[in-house]
PDB file of N, CA and C in Angstrom:
ATOM      1  N   UNK A   1     -72.167 116.536 -33.886  1.00  0.00           N
ATOM      2  CA  UNK A   1     -71.004 117.194 -34.538  1.00  0.00           C
ATOM      3  C   UNK A   1     -70.338 118.106 -34.513  1.00  0.00           C
ATOM      4  N   UNK A   2     -69.222 117.362 -35.065  1.00  0.00           N
ATOM      5  CA  UNK A   2     -68.056 118.622 -34.759  1.00  0.00           C
ATOM      6  C   UNK A   2     -67.424 119.603 -35.194  1.00  0.00           C
ATOM      7  N   UNK A   3     -67.317 120.364 -35.007  1.00  0.00           N
ATOM      8  CA  UNK A   3     -67.127 121.836 -35.270  1.00  0.00           C
ATOM      9  C   UNK A   3     -65.821 121.861 -36.442  1.00  0.00           C
ATOM     10  N   UNK A   4     -65.321 122.550 -37.163  1.00  0.00           N
ATOM     11  CA  UNK A   4     -64.136 122.694 -38.241  1.00  0.00           C
ATOM     12  C   UNK A   4     -63.159 123.893 -37.624  1.00  0.00           C
ATOM     13  N   UNK A   5     -62.036 123.359 -37.893  1.00  0.00           N
ATOM     14  CA  UNK A   5     -60.840 124.434 -37.605  1.00  0.00           C
ATOM     15  C   UNK A   5     -60.561 124.938 -38.532  1.00  0.00           C
ATOM     16  N   UNK A   6     -60.398 126.485 -38.308  1.00  0.00           N
ATOM     17  CA  UNK A   6     -60.280 127.225 -39.415  1.00  0.00           C
ATOM     18  C   UNK A   6     -58.767 127.222 -40.099  1.00  0.00           C
ATOM     19  N   UNK A   7     -59.322 127.104 -41.185  1.00  0.00           N
ATOM     20  CA  UNK A   7     -57.546 126.541 -42.792  1.00  0.00           C
ATOM     21  C   UNK A   7     -57.010 128.050 -42.104  1.00  0.00           C
ATOM     22  N   UNK A   8     -57.903 129.413 -41.333  1.00  0.00           N
ATOM     23  CA  UNK A   8     -56.247 130.302 -41.967  1.00  0.00           C
ATOM     24  C   UNK A   8     -55.313 130.535 -40.237  1.00  0.00           C
ATOM     25  N   UNK A   9     -56.746 129.973 -39.361  1.00  0.00           N
ATOM     26  CA  UNK A   9     -56.236 130.211 -37.748  1.00  0.00           C
ATOM     27  C   UNK A   9     -55.268 128.828 -37.593  1.00  0.00           C
ATOM     28  N   UNK A  10     -55.167 128.042 -37.832  1.00  0.00           N
ATOM     29  CA  UNK A  10     -54.228 126.926 -38.142  1.00  0.00           C
ATOM     30  C   UNK A  10     -53.506 126.828 -38.994  1.00  0.00           C
ATOM     31  N   UNK A  11     -52.816 128.092 -40.256  1.00  0.00           N
ATOM     32  CA  UNK A  11     -51.687 128.135 -40.930  1.00  0.00           C
ATOM     33  C   UNK A  11     -51.395 129.343 -39.600  1.00  0.00           C
ATOM     34  N   UNK A  12     -51.369 129.904 -39.088  1.00  0.00           N
ATOM     35  CA  UNK A  12     -50.986 130.872 -38.340  1.00  0.00           C
ATOM     36  C   UNK A  12     -50.988 132.195 -38.940  1.00  0.00           C
ATOM     37  N   UNK A  13     -51.830 132.243 -39.686  1.00  0.00           N
ATOM     38  CA  UNK A  13     -51.682 133.397 -40.768  1.00  0.00           C
ATOM     39  C   UNK A  13     -51.996 134.670 -40.450  1.00  0.00           C
ATOM     40  N   UNK A  14     -51.080 135.674 -40.673  1.00  0.00           N
ATOM     41  CA  UNK A  14     -51.221 137.145 -40.293  1.00  0.00           C
ATOM     42  C   UNK A  14     -52.885 138.289 -41.087  1.00  0.00           C
ATOM     43  N   UNK A  15     -52.833 138.016 -42.156  1.00  0.00           N
ATOM     44  CA  UNK A  15     -53.289 138.596 -43.173  1.00  0.00           C
ATOM     45  C   UNK A  15     -53.672 138.036 -44.582  1.00  0.00           C
ATOM     46  N   UNK A  16     -54.586 137.856 -45.154  1.00  0.00           N
ATOM     47  CA  UNK A  16     -54.858 137.183 -46.381  1.00  0.00           C
ATOM     48  C   UNK A  16     -54.519 137.883 -47.618  1.00  0.00           C
ATOM     49  N   UNK A  17     -53.599 137.162 -47.879  1.00  0.00           N
ATOM     50  CA  UNK A  17     -53.373 138.297 -49.304  1.00  0.00           C
ATOM     51  C   UNK A  17     -54.583 138.254 -50.783  1.00  0.00           C
ATOM     52  N   UNK A  18     -54.482 139.541 -50.362  1.00  0.00           N
ATOM     53  CA  UNK A  18     -55.589 139.796 -52.337  1.00  0.00           C
ATOM     54  C   UNK A  18     -54.918 139.191 -53.319  1.00  0.00           C
ATOM     55  N   UNK A  19     -54.352 139.398 -53.799  1.00  0.00           N
ATOM     56  CA  UNK A  19     -53.480 138.345 -55.372  1.00  0.00           C
ATOM     57  C   UNK A  19     -53.652 137.051 -55.440  1.00  0.00           C
ATOM     58  N   UNK A  20     -53.346 136.513 -54.076  1.00  0.00           N
ATOM     59  CA  UNK A  20     -53.263 134.583 -53.957  1.00  0.00           C
ATOM     60  C   UNK A  20     -54.749 134.502 -54.102  1.00  0.00           C
ATOM     61  N   UNK A  21     -54.588 134.709 -55.816  1.00  0.00           N
ATOM     62  CA  UNK A  21     -55.955 133.838 -56.405  1.00  0.00           C
ATOM     63  C   UNK A  21     -56.655 132.589 -55.826  1.00  0.00           C
ATOM     64  N   UNK A  22     -55.361 131.915 -56.557  1.00  0.00           N
ATOM     65  CA  UNK A  22     -56.001 130.321 -55.925  1.00  0.00           C
ATOM     66  C   UNK A  22     -55.788 129.870 -54.385  1.00  0.00           C
ATOM     67  N   UNK A  23     -56.031 130.774 -53.394  1.00  0.00           N
ATOM     68  CA  UNK A  23     -56.627 130.582 -52.124  1.00  0.00           C
ATOM     69  C   UNK A  23     -58.302 130.893 -51.522  1.00  0.00           C
ATOM     70  N   UNK A  24     -58.070 132.120 -52.747  1.00  0.00           N
ATOM     71  CA  UNK A  24     -59.681 132.974 -52.764  1.00  0.00           C
ATOM     72  C   UNK A  24     -60.970 132.398 -53.373  1.00  0.00           C
ATOM     73  N   UNK A  25     -60.212 131.409 -54.676  1.00  0.00           N
ATOM     74  CA  UNK A  25     -61.368 130.562 -55.645  1.00  0.00           C
ATOM     75  C   UNK A  25     -62.002 129.122 -54.382  1.00  0.00           C
ATOM     76  N   UNK A  26     -61.071 129.020 -53.699  1.00  0.00           N
ATOM     77  CA  UNK A  26     -61.576 127.812 -52.863  1.00  0.00           C
ATOM     78  C   UNK A  26     -63.200 128.261 -52.081  1.00  0.00           C
ATOM     79  N   UNK A  27     -63.111 129.508 -51.573  1.00  0.00           N
ATOM     80  CA  UNK A  27     -64.340 130.251 -50.553  1.00  0.00           C
ATOM     81  C   UNK A  27     -65.252 130.828 -51.878  1.00  0.00           C
ATOM     82  N   UNK A  28     -65.326 130.249 -52.754  1.00  0.00           N
ATOM     83  CA  UNK A  28     -65.933 131.576 -54.188  1.00  0.00           C
ATOM     84  C   UNK A  28     -66.900 130.345 -54.675  1.00  0.00           C
ATOM     85  N   UNK A  29     -68.005 130.659 -54.332  1.00  0.00           N
ATOM     86  CA  UNK A  29     -68.779 129.383 -54.810  1.00  0.00           C
ATOM     87  C   UNK A  29     -69.089 129.553 -57.088  1.00  0.00           C
ATOM     88  N   UNK A  30     -69.891 128.720 -57.703  1.00  0.00           N
ATOM     89  CA  UNK A  30     -70.133 128.515 -58.994  1.00  0.00           C
ATOM     90  C   UNK A  30     -70.630 129.997 -59.552  1.00  0.00           C
ATOM     91  N   UNK A  31     -71.185 130.710 -58.302  1.00  0.00           N
ATOM     92  CA  UNK A  31     -72.205 131.650 -58.871  1.00  0.00           C
ATOM     93  C   UNK A  31     -71.050 132.953 -59.291  1.00  0.00           C
ATOM     94  N   UNK A  32     -69.746 132.534 -58.346  1.00  0.00           N
ATOM     95  CA  UNK A  32     -68.390 134.019 -58.151  1.00  0.00           C
ATOM     96  C   UNK A  32     -69.519 134.477 -56.592  1.00  0.00           C
ATOM     97  N   UNK A  33     -70.505 134.147 -55.949  1.00  0.00           N
ATOM     98  CA  UNK A  33     -70.364 134.502 -54.581  1.00  0.00           C
ATOM     99  C   UNK A  33     -69.251 133.940 -53.133  1.00  0.00           C
ATOM    100  N   UNK A  34     -69.314 134.833 -52.523  1.00  0.00           N
ATOM    101  CA  UNK A  34     -68.489 134.609 -51.477  1.00  0.00           C
ATOM    102  C   UNK A  34     -68.962 132.996 -50.461  1.00  0.00           C
ATOM    103  N   UNK A  35     -69.124 132.030 -50.418  1.00  0.00           N
ATOM    104  CA  UNK A  35     -69.206 130.918 -49.620  1.00  0.00           C
ATOM    105  C   UNK A  35     -69.396 131.546 -48.469  1.00  0.00           C
ATOM    106  N   UNK A  36     -70.529 130.796 -47.320  1.00  0.00           N
ATOM    107  CA  UNK A  36     -70.538 131.470 -46.001  1.00  0.00           C
ATOM    108  C   UNK A  36     -69.660 130.281 -45.289  1.00  0.00           C
ATOM    109  N   UNK A  37     -69.800 131.208 -44.376  1.00  0.00           N
ATOM    110  CA  UNK A  37     -68.447 130.640 -42.938  1.00  0.00           C
ATOM    111  C   UNK A  37     -68.666 129.132 -42.762  1.00  0.00           C
ATOM    112  N   UNK A  38     -70.577 128.617 -42.014  1.00  0.00           N
ATOM    113  CA  UNK A  38     -70.743 127.490 -41.456  1.00  0.00           C
ATOM    114  C   UNK A  38     -70.255 126.709 -42.834  1.00  0.00           C
ATOM    115  N   UNK A  39     -70.396 126.550 -44.529  1.00  0.00           N
ATOM    116  CA  UNK A  39     -69.944 125.580 -44.763  1.00  0.00           C
ATOM    117  C   UNK A  39     -68.098 125.090 -45.121  1.00  0.00           C
ATOM    118  N   UNK A  40     -67.561 126.280 -45.085  1.00  0.00           N
ATOM    119  CA  UNK A  40     -65.765 126.498 -45.415  1.00  0.00           C
ATOM    120  C   UNK A  40     -65.506 126.245 -43.957  1.00  0.00           C
ATOM    121  N   UNK A  41     -66.002 126.494 -42.879  1.00  0.00           N
ATOM    122  CA  UNK A  41     -65.079 126.675 -41.078  1.00  0.00           C
ATOM    123  C   UNK A  41     -64.444 127.901 -40.853  1.00  0.00           C
ATOM    124  N   UNK A  42     -64.367 128.618 -41.945  1.00  0.00           N
ATOM    125  CA  UNK A  42     -63.658 129.695 -41.427  1.00  0.00           C
ATOM    126  C   UNK A  42     -64.370 130.442 -40.325  1.00  0.00           C
ATOM    127  N   UNK A  43     -63.750 131.002 -39.562  1.00  0.00           N
ATOM    128  CA  UNK A  43     -63.955 131.567 -37.723  1.00  0.00           C
ATOM    129  C   UNK A  43     -63.703 133.414 -38.545  1.00  0.00           C
ATOM    130  N   UNK A  44     -64.981 133.684 -37.682  1.00  0.00           N
ATOM    131  CA  UNK A  44     -65.912 135.167 -38.132  1.00  0.00           C
ATOM    132  C   UNK A  44     -64.860 136.268 -37.889  1.00  0.00           C
ATOM    133  N   UNK A  45     -63.440 136.335 -37.854  1.00  0.00           N
ATOM    134  CA  UNK A  45     -62.459 137.091 -37.952  1.00  0.00           C
ATOM    135  C   UNK A  45     -61.875 136.915 -39.093  1.00  0.00           C
ATOM    136  N   UNK A  46     -61.207 135.895 -39.271  1.00  0.00           N
ATOM    137  CA  UNK A  46     -60.773 135.571 -40.885  1.00  0.00           C
ATOM    138  C   UNK A  46     -62.334 135.419 -42.182  1.00  0.00           C
ATOM    139  N   UNK A  47     -62.844 135.280 -41.628  1.00  0.00           N
ATOM    140  CA  UNK A  47     -64.111 135.703 -43.068  1.00  0.00           C
ATOM    141  C   UNK A  47     -64.402 137.207 -42.924  1.00  0.00           C
ATOM    142  N   UNK A  48     -64.511 138.025 -42.141  1.00  0.00           N
ATOM    143  CA  UNK A  48     -63.999 139.235 -42.998  1.00  0.00           C
ATOM    144  C   UNK A  48     -62.946 139.569 -43.552  1.00  0.00           C
ATOM    145  N   UNK A  49     -62.018 139.589 -43.341  1.00  0.00           N
ATOM    146  CA  UNK A  49     -60.825 139.707 -44.105  1.00  0.00           C
ATOM    147  C   UNK A  49     -61.107 138.706 -45.053  1.00  0.00           C
ATOM    148  N   UNK A  50     -61.342 137.641 -45.239  1.00  0.00           N
ATOM    149  CA  UNK A  50     -61.402 137.247 -46.052  1.00  0.00           C
ATOM    150  C   UNK A  50     -62.707 137.663 -47.644  1.00  0.00           C
ATOM    151  N   UNK A  51     -63.506 138.323 -46.768  1.00  0.00           N
ATOM    152  CA  UNK A  51     -64.315 139.014 -47.672  1.00  0.00           C
ATOM    153  C   UNK A  51     -64.042 139.948 -48.312  1.00  0.00           C
ATOM    154  N   UNK A  52     -63.259 140.835 -47.604  1.00  0.00           N
ATOM    155  CA  UNK A  52     -61.975 142.141 -47.614  1.00  0.00           C
ATOM    156  C   UNK A  52     -61.021 141.912 -48.942  1.00  0.00           C
ATOM    157  N   UNK A  53     -60.540 140.651 -49.207  1.00  0.00           N
ATOM    158  CA  UNK A  53     -59.531 140.482 -49.340  1.00  0.00           C
ATOM    159  C   UNK A  53     -59.954 139.966 -51.017  1.00  0.00           C
ATOM    160  N   UNK A  54     -61.678 139.254 -51.510  1.00  0.00           N
ATOM    161  CA  UNK A  54     -62.302 138.980 -51.983  1.00  0.00           C
ATOM    162  C   UNK A  54     -61.984 139.885 -52.970  1.00  0.00           C
ATOM    163  N   UNK A  55     -63.484 141.251 -52.588  1.00  0.00           N
ATOM    164  CA  UNK A  55     -63.330 142.648 -52.498  1.00  0.00           C
ATOM    165  C   UNK A  55     -62.569 143.375 -53.263  1.00  0.00           C
ATOM    166  N   UNK A  56     -60.810 143.174 -52.596  1.00  0.00           N
ATOM    167  CA  UNK A  56     -60.155 144.056 -53.725  1.00  0.00           C
ATOM    168  C   UNK A  56     -59.888 143.323 -54.993  1.00  0.00           C
ATOM    169  N   UNK A  57     -60.001 141.784 -54.592  1.00  0.00           N
ATOM    170  CA  UNK A  57     -59.335 141.279 -56.212  1.00  0.00           C
ATOM    171  C   UNK A  57     -60.129 141.261 -57.339  1.00  0.00           C
ATOM    172  N   UNK A  58     -61.069 141.162 -56.760  1.00  0.00           N
ATOM    173  CA  UNK A  58     -62.696 141.786 -57.514  1.00  0.00           C
ATOM    174  C   UNK A  58     -62.730 143.383 -58.834  1.00  0.00           C
ATOM    175  N   UNK A  59     -61.923 144.565 -57.603  1.00  0.00           N
ATOM    176  CA  UNK A  59     -62.220 144.925 -57.866  1.00  0.00           C
ATOM    177  C   UNK A  59     -60.564 145.591 -59.010  1.00  0.00           C
ATOM    178  N   UNK A  60     -59.317 145.186 -58.865  1.00  0.00           N
ATOM    179  CA  UNK A  60     -58.081 144.918 -59.329  1.00  0.00           C
ATOM    180  C   UNK A  60     -58.141 144.444 -60.950  1.00  0.00           C
ATOM    181  N   UNK A  61     -59.344 143.547 -61.178  1.00  0.00           N
ATOM    182  CA  UNK A  61     -59.641 142.516 -62.128  1.00  0.00           C
ATOM    183  C   UNK A  61     -59.115 141.284 -61.946  1.00  0.00           C
ATOM    184  N   UNK A  62     -58.933 140.799 -60.282  1.00  0.00           N
ATOM    185  CA  UNK A  62     -58.384 139.627 -60.400  1.00  0.00           C
ATOM    186  C   UNK A  62     -59.385 138.408 -60.360  1.00  0.00           C
ATOM    187  N   UNK A  63     -60.404 138.626 -59.774  1.00  0.00           N
ATOM    188  CA  UNK A  63     -61.389 137.716 -59.612  1.00  0.00           C
ATOM    189  C   UNK A  63     -62.876 138.546 -60.470  1.00  0.00           C
ATOM    190  N   UNK A  64     -63.982 137.596 -60.645  1.00  0.00           N
ATOM    191  CA  UNK A  64     -64.634 137.886 -61.762  1.00  0.00           C
ATOM    192  C   UNK A  64     -65.599 138.602 -60.457  1.00  0.00           C
ATOM    193  N   UNK A  65     -66.682 139.329 -61.226  1.00  0.00           N
ATOM    194  CA  UNK A  65     -67.697 139.776 -60.208  1.00  0.00           C
ATOM    195  C   UNK A  65     -69.122 138.453 -60.294  1.00  0.00           C
ATOM    196  N   UNK A  66     -69.221 138.420 -61.638  1.00  0.00           N
ATOM    197  CA  UNK A  66     -70.297 138.161 -62.302  1.00  0.00           C
ATOM    198  C   UNK A  66     -70.038 136.384 -62.392  1.00  0.00           C
ATOM    199  N   UNK A  67     -70.702 135.695 -62.824  1.00  0.00           N
ATOM    200  CA  UNK A  67     -70.771 134.742 -63.760  1.00  0.00           C
ATOM    201  C   UNK A  67     -70.586 134.672 -65.200  1.00  0.00           C
ATOM    202  N   UNK A  68     -70.456 134.117 -66.140  1.00  0.00           N
ATOM    203  CA  UNK A  68     -70.197 134.568 -67.614  1.00  0.00           C
ATOM    204  C   UNK A  68     -71.489 133.967 -67.922  1.00  0.00           C
TER     205      UNK A  68
END
């Protein structure tokens, strides 16, 4: 099986912006859970930063905590 390239590493992303909701929605499931990095292909460093960005976006109301 071929290893996926991390999206953020390939874009040379310095940080993941919590205000960029469209990017964050790609890494959230239908139940509004953060998707496992094995399915998305994100490396460990960027998975930690992604989780922090999603949590920040939830706190200020850009993303929901639960599905309606």
